[in-house]
PDB file of all heavy atoms in Angstrom:
ATOM      1  N   ARG A   1      -8.306 -27.609  15.711  1.00  0.00           N
ATOM      2  CA  ARG A   1      -6.866 -27.879  15.437  1.00  0.00           C
ATOM      3  C   ARG A   1      -6.651 -27.885  13.978  1.00  0.00           C
ATOM      4  O   ARG A   1      -5.641 -27.336  13.413  1.00  0.00           O
ATOM      5  CB  ARG A   1      -6.403 -29.170  16.165  1.00  0.00           C
ATOM      6  CG  ARG A   1      -5.008 -29.480  15.795  1.00  0.00           C
ATOM      7  CD  ARG A   1      -4.493 -30.687  16.631  1.00  0.00           C
ATOM      8  NE  ARG A   1      -3.112 -30.988  16.215  1.00  0.00           N
ATOM      9  CZ  ARG A   1      -2.776 -32.020  15.341  1.00  0.00           C
ATOM     10  NH1 ARG A   1      -3.795 -32.733  14.905  1.00  0.00           N
ATOM     11  NH2 ARG A   1      -1.512 -32.165  15.030  1.00  0.00           N
ATOM     12  N   HIS A   2      -7.435 -28.521  13.261  1.00  0.00           N
ATOM     13  CA  HIS A   2      -7.254 -28.613  11.759  1.00  0.00           C
ATOM     14  C   HIS A   2      -7.361 -27.180  11.146  1.00  0.00           C
ATOM     15  O   HIS A   2      -6.633 -26.916  10.238  1.00  0.00           O
ATOM     16  CB  HIS A   2      -8.350 -29.480  11.165  1.00  0.00           C
ATOM     17  CG  HIS A   2      -7.897 -31.037  11.201  1.00  0.00           C
ATOM     18  ND1 HIS A   2      -8.720 -31.924  10.620  1.00  0.00           N
ATOM     19  CD2 HIS A   2      -6.894 -31.621  11.791  1.00  0.00           C
ATOM     20  CE1 HIS A   2      -8.164 -33.179  10.859  1.00  0.00           C
ATOM     21  NE2 HIS A   2      -7.035 -32.910  11.483  1.00  0.00           N
ATOM     22  N   THR A   3      -8.192 -26.404  11.590  1.00  0.00           N
ATOM     23  CA  THR A   3      -8.404 -25.072  11.175  1.00  0.00           C
ATOM     24  C   THR A   3      -7.068 -24.214  11.414  1.00  0.00           C
ATOM     25  O   THR A   3      -6.585 -23.568  10.533  1.00  0.00           O
ATOM     26  CB  THR A   3      -9.617 -24.341  11.762  1.00  0.00           C
ATOM     27  OG1 THR A   3     -10.774 -25.089  11.476  1.00  0.00           O
ATOM     28  CG2 THR A   3      -9.720 -22.960  11.189  1.00  0.00           C
ATOM     29  N   LEU A   4      -6.554 -24.314  12.620  1.00  0.00           N
ATOM     30  CA  LEU A   4      -5.356 -23.676  13.032  1.00  0.00           C
ATOM     31  C   LEU A   4      -4.231 -24.168  12.152  1.00  0.00           C
ATOM     32  O   LEU A   4      -3.430 -23.302  11.668  1.00  0.00           O
ATOM     33  CB  LEU A   4      -5.049 -23.831  14.520  1.00  0.00           C
ATOM     34  CG  LEU A   4      -5.961 -23.113  15.466  1.00  0.00           C
ATOM     35  CD1 LEU A   4      -5.689 -23.484  16.860  1.00  0.00           C
ATOM     36  CD2 LEU A   4      -5.926 -21.579  15.301  1.00  0.00           C
ATOM     37  N   LEU A   5      -4.155 -25.354  11.900  1.00  0.00           N
ATOM     38  CA  LEU A   5      -2.985 -25.930  11.046  1.00  0.00           C
ATOM     39  C   LEU A   5      -3.165 -25.470   9.660  1.00  0.00           C
ATOM     40  O   LEU A   5      -2.163 -24.956   9.125  1.00  0.00           O
ATOM     41  CB  LEU A   5      -3.165 -27.517  10.998  1.00  0.00           C
ATOM     42  CG  LEU A   5      -2.796 -28.230  12.267  1.00  0.00           C
ATOM     43  CD1 LEU A   5      -3.039 -29.697  12.147  1.00  0.00           C
ATOM     44  CD2 LEU A   5      -1.243 -28.089  12.513  1.00  0.00           C
ATOM     45  N   ALA A   6      -4.263 -25.408   9.166  1.00  0.00           N
ATOM     46  CA  ALA A   6      -4.395 -24.915   7.743  1.00  0.00           C
ATOM     47  C   ALA A   6      -4.153 -23.439   7.660  1.00  0.00           C
ATOM     48  O   ALA A   6      -3.633 -23.028   6.724  1.00  0.00           O
ATOM     49  CB  ALA A   6      -5.920 -25.259   7.204  1.00  0.00           C
ATOM     50  N   VAL A   7      -4.581 -22.705   8.586  1.00  0.00           N
ATOM     51  CA  VAL A   7      -4.466 -21.240   8.433  1.00  0.00           C
ATOM     52  C   VAL A   7      -3.003 -20.691   8.915  1.00  0.00           C
ATOM     53  O   VAL A   7      -2.506 -19.789   8.304  1.00  0.00           O
ATOM     54  CB  VAL A   7      -5.557 -20.501   9.415  1.00  0.00           C
ATOM     55  CG1 VAL A   7      -5.250 -18.951   9.483  1.00  0.00           C
ATOM     56  CG2 VAL A   7      -6.887 -20.807   8.949  1.00  0.00           C
ATOM     57  N   VAL A   8      -2.435 -21.405   9.767  1.00  0.00           N
ATOM     58  CA  VAL A   8      -1.187 -20.918  10.324  1.00  0.00           C
ATOM     59  C   VAL A   8       0.004 -21.718   9.899  1.00  0.00           C
ATOM     60  O   VAL A   8       1.019 -21.339   9.290  1.00  0.00           O
ATOM     61  CB  VAL A   8      -1.213 -20.800  11.950  1.00  0.00           C
ATOM     62  CG1 VAL A   8       0.186 -20.387  12.507  1.00  0.00           C
ATOM     63  CG2 VAL A   8      -2.311 -19.891  12.398  1.00  0.00           C
ATOM     64  N   LEU A   9       0.000 -23.013  10.230  1.00  0.00           N
ATOM     65  CA  LEU A   9       1.263 -23.809  10.057  1.00  0.00           C
ATOM     66  C   LEU A   9       1.485 -24.345   8.699  1.00  0.00           C
ATOM     67  O   LEU A   9       2.660 -24.425   8.260  1.00  0.00           O
ATOM     68  CB  LEU A   9       1.114 -25.128  10.986  1.00  0.00           C
ATOM     69  CG  LEU A   9       1.180 -24.866  12.481  1.00  0.00           C
ATOM     70  CD1 LEU A   9       1.224 -26.193  13.269  1.00  0.00           C
ATOM     71  CD2 LEU A   9       2.369 -23.976  12.892  1.00  0.00           C
ATOM     72  N   VAL A  10       0.424 -24.521   7.892  1.00  0.00           N
ATOM     73  CA  VAL A  10       0.632 -24.826   6.476  1.00  0.00           C
ATOM     74  C   VAL A  10       1.435 -23.768   5.737  1.00  0.00           C
ATOM     75  O   VAL A  10       2.500 -24.028   5.033  1.00  0.00           O
ATOM     76  CB  VAL A  10      -0.610 -25.298   5.712  1.00  0.00           C
ATOM     77  CG1 VAL A  10      -0.425 -25.350   4.263  1.00  0.00           C
ATOM     78  CG2 VAL A  10      -1.140 -26.595   6.268  1.00  0.00           C
ATOM     79  N   PRO A  11       0.979 -22.513   5.782  1.00  0.00           N
ATOM     80  CA  PRO A  11       1.825 -21.428   5.133  1.00  0.00           C
ATOM     81  C   PRO A  11       3.248 -21.314   5.689  1.00  0.00           C
ATOM     82  O   PRO A  11       4.140 -21.099   4.926  1.00  0.00           O
ATOM     83  CB  PRO A  11       1.022 -20.146   5.384  1.00  0.00           C
ATOM     84  CG  PRO A  11      -0.416 -20.689   5.631  1.00  0.00           C
ATOM     85  CD  PRO A  11      -0.252 -21.969   6.378  1.00  0.00           C
ATOM     86  N   VAL A  12       3.410 -21.400   6.892  1.00  0.00           N
ATOM     87  CA  VAL A  12       4.700 -21.438   7.543  1.00  0.00           C
ATOM     88  C   VAL A  12       5.593 -22.533   6.973  1.00  0.00           C
ATOM     89  O   VAL A  12       6.794 -22.367   6.548  1.00  0.00           O
ATOM     90  CB  VAL A  12       4.685 -21.435   9.005  1.00  0.00           C
ATOM     91  CG1 VAL A  12       6.101 -21.638   9.619  1.00  0.00           C
ATOM     92  CG2 VAL A  12       4.033 -20.196   9.612  1.00  0.00           C
ATOM     93  N   THR A  13       5.019 -23.782   6.871  1.00  0.00           N
ATOM     94  CA  THR A  13       5.698 -24.931   6.387  1.00  0.00           C
ATOM     95  C   THR A  13       6.133 -24.681   4.930  1.00  0.00           C
ATOM     96  O   THR A  13       7.172 -24.949   4.502  1.00  0.00           O
ATOM     97  CB  THR A  13       4.829 -26.206   6.496  1.00  0.00           C
ATOM     98  OG1 THR A  13       4.811 -26.536   7.828  1.00  0.00           O
ATOM     99  CG2 THR A  13       5.452 -27.280   5.622  1.00  0.00           C
ATOM    100  N   LEU A  14       5.188 -24.151   4.114  1.00  0.00           N
ATOM    101  CA  LEU A  14       5.549 -23.928   2.680  1.00  0.00           C
ATOM    102  C   LEU A  14       6.654 -22.920   2.520  1.00  0.00           C
ATOM    103  O   LEU A  14       7.583 -23.077   1.649  1.00  0.00           O
ATOM    104  CB  LEU A  14       4.330 -23.456   1.969  1.00  0.00           C
ATOM    105  CG  LEU A  14       3.146 -24.483   1.741  1.00  0.00           C
ATOM    106  CD1 LEU A  14       1.942 -23.780   1.205  1.00  0.00           C
ATOM    107  CD2 LEU A  14       3.659 -25.575   0.854  1.00  0.00           C
ATOM    108  N   VAL A  15       6.613 -21.840   3.370  1.00  0.00           N
ATOM    109  CA  VAL A  15       7.689 -20.867   3.194  1.00  0.00           C
ATOM    110  C   VAL A  15       9.003 -21.366   3.625  1.00  0.00           C
ATOM    111  O   VAL A  15      10.022 -21.239   2.900  1.00  0.00           O
ATOM    112  CB  VAL A  15       7.281 -19.595   4.057  1.00  0.00           C
ATOM    113  CG1 VAL A  15       8.441 -18.633   4.087  1.00  0.00           C
ATOM    114  CG2 VAL A  15       6.105 -18.906   3.375  1.00  0.00           C
ATOM    115  N   ARG A  16       9.107 -22.042   4.904  1.00  0.00           N
ATOM    116  CA  ARG A  16      10.384 -22.439   5.347  1.00  0.00           C
ATOM    117  C   ARG A  16      11.034 -23.543   4.502  1.00  0.00           C
ATOM    118  O   ARG A  16      12.261 -23.529   4.238  1.00  0.00           O
ATOM    119  CB  ARG A  16      10.199 -22.892   6.827  1.00  0.00           C
ATOM    120  CG  ARG A  16       9.808 -21.808   7.793  1.00  0.00           C
ATOM    121  CD  ARG A  16       9.794 -22.360   9.210  1.00  0.00           C
ATOM    122  NE  ARG A  16      11.188 -22.656   9.610  1.00  0.00           N
ATOM    123  CZ  ARG A  16      11.545 -23.471  10.611  1.00  0.00           C
ATOM    124  NH1 ARG A  16      10.594 -23.989  11.451  1.00  0.00           N
ATOM    125  NH2 ARG A  16      12.706 -23.626  10.968  1.00  0.00           N
ATOM    126  N   HIS A  17      10.159 -24.535   4.111  1.00  0.00           N
ATOM    127  CA  HIS A  17      10.844 -25.607   3.352  1.00  0.00           C
ATOM    128  C   HIS A  17      11.030 -25.301   1.965  1.00  0.00           C
ATOM    129  O   HIS A  17      12.034 -25.860   1.310  1.00  0.00           O
ATOM    130  CB  HIS A  17       9.860 -26.862   3.537  1.00  0.00           C
ATOM    131  CG  HIS A  17       9.799 -27.446   4.879  1.00  0.00           C
ATOM    132  ND1 HIS A  17       9.122 -26.991   5.942  1.00  0.00           N
ATOM    133  CD2 HIS A  17      10.486 -28.620   5.402  1.00  0.00           C
ATOM    134  CE1 HIS A  17       9.317 -27.624   7.061  1.00  0.00           C
ATOM    135  NE2 HIS A  17      10.120 -28.631   6.780  1.00  0.00           N
ATOM    136  N   THR A  18      10.234 -24.373   1.378  1.00  0.00           N
ATOM    137  CA  THR A  18      10.586 -23.908   0.049  1.00  0.00           C
ATOM    138  C   THR A  18      11.874 -23.182   0.009  1.00  0.00           C
ATOM    139  O   THR A  18      12.733 -23.331  -0.959  1.00  0.00           O
ATOM    140  CB  THR A  18       9.499 -23.079  -0.585  1.00  0.00           C
ATOM    141  OG1 THR A  18       8.255 -23.775  -0.591  1.00  0.00           O
ATOM    142  CG2 THR A  18       9.831 -22.526  -1.917  1.00  0.00           C
ATOM    143  N   ALA A  19      12.064 -22.337   1.025  1.00  0.00           N
ATOM    144  CA  ALA A  19      13.359 -21.580   1.160  1.00  0.00           C
ATOM    145  C   ALA A  19      14.546 -22.510   1.276  1.00  0.00           C
ATOM    146  O   ALA A  19      15.635 -22.338   0.690  1.00  0.00           O
ATOM    147  CB  ALA A  19      13.232 -20.691   2.380  1.00  0.00           C
ATOM    148  N   TRP A  20      14.339 -23.613   1.883  1.00  0.00           N
ATOM    149  CA  TRP A  20      15.516 -24.623   2.066  1.00  0.00           C
ATOM    150  C   TRP A  20      15.848 -25.267   0.678  1.00  0.00           C
ATOM    151  O   TRP A  20      16.914 -25.357   0.258  1.00  0.00           O
ATOM    152  CB  TRP A  20      15.038 -25.679   3.072  1.00  0.00           C
ATOM    153  CG  TRP A  20      16.159 -26.681   3.363  1.00  0.00           C
ATOM    154  CD1 TRP A  20      17.414 -26.480   3.869  1.00  0.00           C
ATOM    155  CD2 TRP A  20      16.121 -28.132   3.159  1.00  0.00           C
ATOM    156  NE1 TRP A  20      18.087 -27.704   4.069  1.00  0.00           N
ATOM    157  CE2 TRP A  20      17.291 -28.722   3.570  1.00  0.00           C
ATOM    158  CE3 TRP A  20      15.056 -28.906   2.620  1.00  0.00           C
ATOM    159  CZ2 TRP A  20      17.555 -30.008   3.479  1.00  0.00           C
ATOM    160  CZ3 TRP A  20      15.362 -30.297   2.482  1.00  0.00           C
ATOM    161  CH2 TRP A  20      16.565 -30.881   2.970  1.00  0.00           C
ATOM    162  N   ILE A  21      14.788 -25.654   0.012  1.00  0.00           N
ATOM    163  CA  ILE A  21      14.855 -26.185  -1.370  1.00  0.00           C
ATOM    164  C   ILE A  21      15.671 -25.258  -2.245  1.00  0.00           C
ATOM    165  O   ILE A  21      16.509 -25.684  -2.995  1.00  0.00           O
ATOM    166  CB  ILE A  21      13.527 -26.624  -1.907  1.00  0.00           C
ATOM    167  CG1 ILE A  21      13.001 -27.819  -1.206  1.00  0.00           C
ATOM    168  CG2 ILE A  21      13.703 -26.855  -3.412  1.00  0.00           C
ATOM    169  CD1 ILE A  21      11.536 -28.206  -1.543  1.00  0.00           C
ATOM    170  N   LEU A  22      15.195 -23.960  -2.264  1.00  0.00           N
ATOM    171  CA  LEU A  22      15.825 -22.961  -3.178  1.00  0.00           C
ATOM    172  C   LEU A  22      17.265 -22.772  -2.885  1.00  0.00           C
ATOM    173  O   LEU A  22      18.162 -22.673  -3.787  1.00  0.00           O
ATOM    174  CB  LEU A  22      15.012 -21.637  -3.092  1.00  0.00           C
ATOM    175  CG  LEU A  22      13.610 -21.695  -3.662  1.00  0.00           C
ATOM    176  CD1 LEU A  22      12.957 -20.308  -3.319  1.00  0.00           C
ATOM    177  CD2 LEU A  22      13.645 -21.919  -5.168  1.00  0.00           C
ATOM    178  N   ARG A  23      17.607 -22.764  -1.555  1.00  0.00           N
ATOM    179  CA  ARG A  23      19.035 -22.613  -1.144  1.00  0.00           C
ATOM    180  C   ARG A  23      19.907 -23.781  -1.594  1.00  0.00           C
ATOM    181  O   ARG A  23      21.047 -23.623  -1.993  1.00  0.00           O
ATOM    182  CB  ARG A  23      19.178 -22.325   0.277  1.00  0.00           C
ATOM    183  CG  ARG A  23      18.639 -20.924   0.727  1.00  0.00           C
ATOM    184  CD  ARG A  23      18.965 -20.680   2.167  1.00  0.00           C
ATOM    185  NE  ARG A  23      20.290 -20.590   2.507  1.00  0.00           N
ATOM    186  CZ  ARG A  23      20.801 -20.312   3.728  1.00  0.00           C
ATOM    187  NH1 ARG A  23      19.946 -19.969   4.644  1.00  0.00           N
ATOM    188  NH2 ARG A  23      22.109 -20.285   3.957  1.00  0.00           N
ATOM    189  N   LEU A  24      19.276 -25.038  -1.602  1.00  0.00           N
ATOM    190  CA  LEU A  24      19.983 -26.170  -2.058  1.00  0.00           C
ATOM    191  C   LEU A  24      20.217 -26.132  -3.490  1.00  0.00           C
ATOM    192  O   LEU A  24      21.233 -26.521  -4.116  1.00  0.00           O
ATOM    193  CB  LEU A  24      19.244 -27.414  -1.534  1.00  0.00           C
ATOM    194  CG  LEU A  24      19.200 -27.828  -0.078  1.00  0.00           C
ATOM    195  CD1 LEU A  24      18.577 -29.036   0.152  1.00  0.00           C
ATOM    196  CD2 LEU A  24      20.598 -27.716   0.560  1.00  0.00           C
ATOM    197  N   ARG A  25      19.165 -25.666  -4.284  1.00  0.00           N
ATOM    198  CA  ARG A  25      19.207 -25.678  -5.779  1.00  0.00           C
ATOM    199  C   ARG A  25      20.170 -24.629  -6.286  1.00  0.00           C
ATOM    200  O   ARG A  25      20.923 -24.889  -7.234  1.00  0.00           O
ATOM    201  CB  ARG A  25      17.796 -25.614  -6.348  1.00  0.00           C
ATOM    202  CG  ARG A  25      16.893 -26.798  -6.068  1.00  0.00           C
ATOM    203  CD  ARG A  25      15.698 -26.747  -6.924  1.00  0.00           C
ATOM    204  NE  ARG A  25      16.059 -26.936  -8.375  1.00  0.00           N
ATOM    205  CZ  ARG A  25      15.119 -27.083  -9.255  1.00  0.00           C
ATOM    206  NH1 ARG A  25      13.751 -27.105  -8.998  1.00  0.00           N
ATOM    207  NH2 ARG A  25      15.457 -27.285 -10.560  1.00  0.00           N
ATOM    208  N   PHE A  26      20.146 -23.504  -5.636  1.00  0.00           N
ATOM    209  CA  PHE A  26      20.826 -22.361  -6.276  1.00  0.00           C
ATOM    210  C   PHE A  26      21.968 -21.719  -5.360  1.00  0.00           C
ATOM    211  O   PHE A  26      22.662 -20.826  -5.951  1.00  0.00           O
ATOM    212  CB  PHE A  26      19.831 -21.245  -6.554  1.00  0.00           C
ATOM    213  CG  PHE A  26      18.669 -21.781  -7.480  1.00  0.00           C
ATOM    214  CD1 PHE A  26      17.498 -21.851  -6.964  1.00  0.00           C
ATOM    215  CD2 PHE A  26      18.996 -22.088  -8.805  1.00  0.00           C
ATOM    216  CE1 PHE A  26      16.400 -22.214  -7.833  1.00  0.00           C
ATOM    217  CE2 PHE A  26      17.941 -22.557  -9.662  1.00  0.00           C
ATOM    218  CZ  PHE A  26      16.618 -22.665  -9.104  1.00  0.00           C
ATOM    219  N   GLY A  27      22.132 -22.298  -4.255  1.00  0.00           N
ATOM    220  CA  GLY A  27      23.205 -21.710  -3.347  1.00  0.00           C
ATOM    221  C   GLY A  27      24.536 -22.277  -3.766  1.00  0.00           C
ATOM    222  O   GLY A  27      24.675 -23.226  -4.490  1.00  0.00           O
ATOM    223  N   PRO A  28      25.531 -21.733  -3.053  1.00  0.00           N
ATOM    224  CA  PRO A  28      26.931 -22.164  -3.481  1.00  0.00           C
ATOM    225  C   PRO A  28      27.372 -23.390  -2.882  1.00  0.00           C
ATOM    226  O   PRO A  28      26.742 -23.905  -1.899  1.00  0.00           O
ATOM    227  CB  PRO A  28      27.810 -20.949  -2.869  1.00  0.00           C
ATOM    228  CG  PRO A  28      26.983 -20.502  -1.731  1.00  0.00           C
ATOM    229  CD  PRO A  28      25.560 -20.595  -2.192  1.00  0.00           C
ATOM    230  N   THR A  29      28.292 -24.114  -3.464  1.00  0.00           N
ATOM    231  CA  THR A  29      28.877 -25.334  -3.016  1.00  0.00           C
ATOM    232  C   THR A  29      29.835 -24.923  -1.851  1.00  0.00           C
ATOM    233  O   THR A  29      30.631 -23.995  -1.932  1.00  0.00           O
ATOM    234  CB  THR A  29      29.697 -26.068  -4.108  1.00  0.00           C
ATOM    235  OG1 THR A  29      28.706 -26.406  -5.147  1.00  0.00           O
ATOM    236  CG2 THR A  29      30.332 -27.368  -3.551  1.00  0.00           C
ATOM    237  N   ARG A  30      29.758 -25.683  -0.735  1.00  0.00           N
ATOM    238  CA  ARG A  30      30.677 -25.490   0.355  1.00  0.00           C
ATOM    239  C   ARG A  30      31.996 -26.253   0.127  1.00  0.00           C
ATOM    240  O   ARG A  30      31.962 -27.461  -0.211  1.00  0.00           O
ATOM    241  CB  ARG A  30      30.073 -25.865   1.678  1.00  0.00           C
ATOM    242  CG  ARG A  30      28.715 -25.268   1.947  1.00  0.00           C
ATOM    243  CD  ARG A  30      28.813 -23.716   2.087  1.00  0.00           C
ATOM    244  NE  ARG A  30      29.651 -23.301   3.192  1.00  0.00           N
ATOM    245  CZ  ARG A  30      29.803 -21.998   3.606  1.00  0.00           C
ATOM    246  NH1 ARG A  30      29.029 -20.998   2.951  1.00  0.00           N
ATOM    247  NH2 ARG A  30      30.577 -21.707   4.645  1.00  0.00           N
ATOM    248  N   THR A  31      33.104 -25.509   0.389  1.00  0.00           N
ATOM    249  CA  THR A  31      34.406 -26.254   0.229  1.00  0.00           C
ATOM    250  C   THR A  31      35.215 -26.023   1.511  1.00  0.00           C
ATOM    251  O   THR A  31      34.942 -25.217   2.327  1.00  0.00           O
ATOM    252  CB  THR A  31      35.245 -25.458  -0.913  1.00  0.00           C
ATOM    253  OG1 THR A  31      35.393 -24.118  -0.579  1.00  0.00           O
ATOM    254  CG2 THR A  31      34.427 -25.669  -2.255  1.00  0.00           C
ATOM    255  N   MET A  32      36.189 -26.836   1.590  1.00  0.00           N
ATOM    256  CA  MET A  32      37.155 -26.795   2.761  1.00  0.00           C
ATOM    257  C   MET A  32      38.560 -27.008   2.153  1.00  0.00           C
ATOM    258  O   MET A  32      38.729 -27.335   0.928  1.00  0.00           O
ATOM    259  CB  MET A  32      36.860 -27.915   3.731  1.00  0.00           C
ATOM    260  CG  MET A  32      35.500 -27.749   4.481  1.00  0.00           C
ATOM    261  SD  MET A  32      35.118 -29.056   5.725  1.00  0.00           S
ATOM    262  CE  MET A  32      36.315 -28.644   6.952  1.00  0.00           C
ATOM    263  N   PRO A  33      39.660 -26.766   2.962  1.00  0.00           N
ATOM    264  CA  PRO A  33      40.956 -26.816   2.399  1.00  0.00           C
ATOM    265  C   PRO A  33      41.240 -28.182   1.643  1.00  0.00           C
ATOM    266  O   PRO A  33      40.623 -29.239   2.078  1.00  0.00           O
ATOM    267  CB  PRO A  33      41.824 -26.687   3.603  1.00  0.00           C
ATOM    268  CG  PRO A  33      41.018 -25.865   4.542  1.00  0.00           C
ATOM    269  CD  PRO A  33      39.666 -26.275   4.274  1.00  0.00           C
ATOM    270  N   PRO A  34      42.097 -28.173   0.679  1.00  0.00           N
ATOM    271  CA  PRO A  34      42.291 -29.480  -0.152  1.00  0.00           C
ATOM    272  C   PRO A  34      42.764 -30.681   0.743  1.00  0.00           C
ATOM    273  O   PRO A  34      42.496 -31.814   0.293  1.00  0.00           O
ATOM    274  CB  PRO A  34      43.354 -29.056  -1.211  1.00  0.00           C
ATOM    275  CG  PRO A  34      43.232 -27.560  -1.228  1.00  0.00           C
ATOM    276  CD  PRO A  34      42.819 -27.048   0.099  1.00  0.00           C
TER     277      PRO A  34
END
């Protein structure tokens, strides 16, 4: 299980959560009517 985690899930985690961070840092601010 540890091997599968290291080979499969760790890279997936890094990609998905890094993408979330980047969108928060550089994505647009959401607005709604005044």
